[in-house]
Amino acid sequence: MKRSDYMILAAAFLSFLFSVYLWFNGQQQEGLYVGIWVPSILAAGAYIKQISKP
């Protein structure tokens, strides 16, 4: 795995943690919104990895 892979995973994980934080602090709508960022970040990372292959 490259450094960029770790950065994408870290961004997705931080988004997940922020979503959980929002959910349990009474902001369920915002938590759901941020929670749908996780698969979007992972999909964007997979796409970028595919188009950058030689």
C-alpha atoms as a PDB file:
ATOM      1  CA  MET A   1       0.000   0.000   0.000  1.00  0.00           C
ATOM      2  CA  LYS A   2       1.164   3.481  -0.847  1.00  0.00           C
ATOM      3  CA  ARG A   3       1.048   6.572   1.311  1.00  0.00           C
ATOM      4  CA  SER A   4      -1.919   7.874  -0.672  1.00  0.00           C
ATOM      5  CA  ASP A   5      -3.878   4.719   0.183  1.00  0.00           C
ATOM      6  CA  TYR A   6      -3.311   5.338   3.872  1.00  0.00           C
ATOM      7  CA  MET A   7      -4.412   8.953   3.494  1.00  0.00           C
ATOM      8  CA  ILE A   8      -7.662   7.913   1.806  1.00  0.00           C
ATOM      9  CA  LEU A   9      -8.351   5.344   4.513  1.00  0.00           C
ATOM     10  CA  ALA A  10      -7.557   7.924   7.202  1.00  0.00           C
ATOM     11  CA  ALA A  11      -9.950  10.434   5.624  1.00  0.00           C
ATOM     12  CA  ALA A  12     -12.730   7.826   5.499  1.00  0.00           C
ATOM     13  CA  PHE A  13     -12.067   6.766   9.089  1.00  0.00           C
ATOM     14  CA  LEU A  14     -12.064  10.360  10.342  1.00  0.00           C
ATOM     15  CA  SER A  15     -15.333  10.959   8.528  1.00  0.00           C
ATOM     16  CA  PHE A  16     -16.782   7.900  10.225  1.00  0.00           C
ATOM     17  CA  LEU A  17     -15.617   9.064  13.646  1.00  0.00           C
ATOM     18  CA  PHE A  18     -17.035  12.552  13.067  1.00  0.00           C
ATOM     19  CA  SER A  19     -20.332  11.003  12.010  1.00  0.00           C
ATOM     20  CA  VAL A  20     -20.509   8.920  15.192  1.00  0.00           C
ATOM     21  CA  TYR A  21     -19.614  11.978  17.270  1.00  0.00           C
ATOM     22  CA  LEU A  22     -22.408  14.007  15.700  1.00  0.00           C
ATOM     23  CA  TRP A  23     -24.931  11.180  16.068  1.00  0.00           C
ATOM     24  CA  PHE A  24     -24.308  10.680  19.783  1.00  0.00           C
ATOM     25  CA  ASN A  25     -24.308  14.416  20.496  1.00  0.00           C
ATOM     26  CA  GLY A  26     -27.889  14.766  19.340  1.00  0.00           C
ATOM     27  CA  GLN A  27     -27.306  15.865  15.771  1.00  0.00           C
ATOM     28  CA  GLN A  28     -28.631  12.775  13.994  1.00  0.00           C
ATOM     29  CA  GLN A  29     -29.339  14.452  10.641  1.00  0.00           C
ATOM     30  CA  GLU A  30     -25.840  15.889  10.431  1.00  0.00           C
ATOM     31  CA  GLY A  31     -24.366  12.563  11.529  1.00  0.00           C
ATOM     32  CA  LEU A  32     -26.181  10.750   8.736  1.00  0.00           C
ATOM     33  CA  TYR A  33     -25.007  13.321   6.206  1.00  0.00           C
ATOM     34  CA  VAL A  34     -21.388  13.000   7.241  1.00  0.00           C
ATOM     35  CA  GLY A  35     -21.768   9.209   7.400  1.00  0.00           C
ATOM     36  CA  ILE A  36     -22.539   9.010   3.697  1.00  0.00           C
ATOM     37  CA  TRP A  37     -19.179  10.643   2.988  1.00  0.00           C
ATOM     38  CA  VAL A  38     -17.361   7.421   3.941  1.00  0.00           C
ATOM     39  CA  PRO A  39     -18.288   5.330   0.875  1.00  0.00           C
ATOM     40  CA  SER A  40     -17.888   8.414  -1.328  1.00  0.00           C
ATOM     41  CA  ILE A  41     -14.337   8.967  -0.091  1.00  0.00           C
ATOM     42  CA  LEU A  42     -13.465   5.300  -0.592  1.00  0.00           C
ATOM     43  CA  ALA A  43     -15.011   5.243  -4.066  1.00  0.00           C
ATOM     44  CA  ALA A  44     -13.158   8.402  -5.079  1.00  0.00           C
ATOM     45  CA  GLY A  45      -9.924   6.887  -3.804  1.00  0.00           C
ATOM     46  CA  ALA A  46     -10.491   3.684  -5.782  1.00  0.00           C
ATOM     47  CA  TYR A  47     -11.256   5.707  -8.901  1.00  0.00           C
ATOM     48  CA  ILE A  48      -8.139   7.830  -8.541  1.00  0.00           C
ATOM     49  CA  LYS A  49      -6.057   4.712  -7.986  1.00  0.00           C
ATOM     50  CA  GLN A  50      -7.487   3.122 -11.151  1.00  0.00           C
ATOM     51  CA  ILE A  51      -6.864   6.101 -13.413  1.00  0.00           C
ATOM     52  CA  SER A  52      -3.328   6.643 -12.106  1.00  0.00           C
ATOM     53  CA  LYS A  53      -2.153   3.134 -13.046  1.00  0.00           C
ATOM     54  CA  PRO A  54       0.437   3.140 -15.841  1.00  0.00           C
END
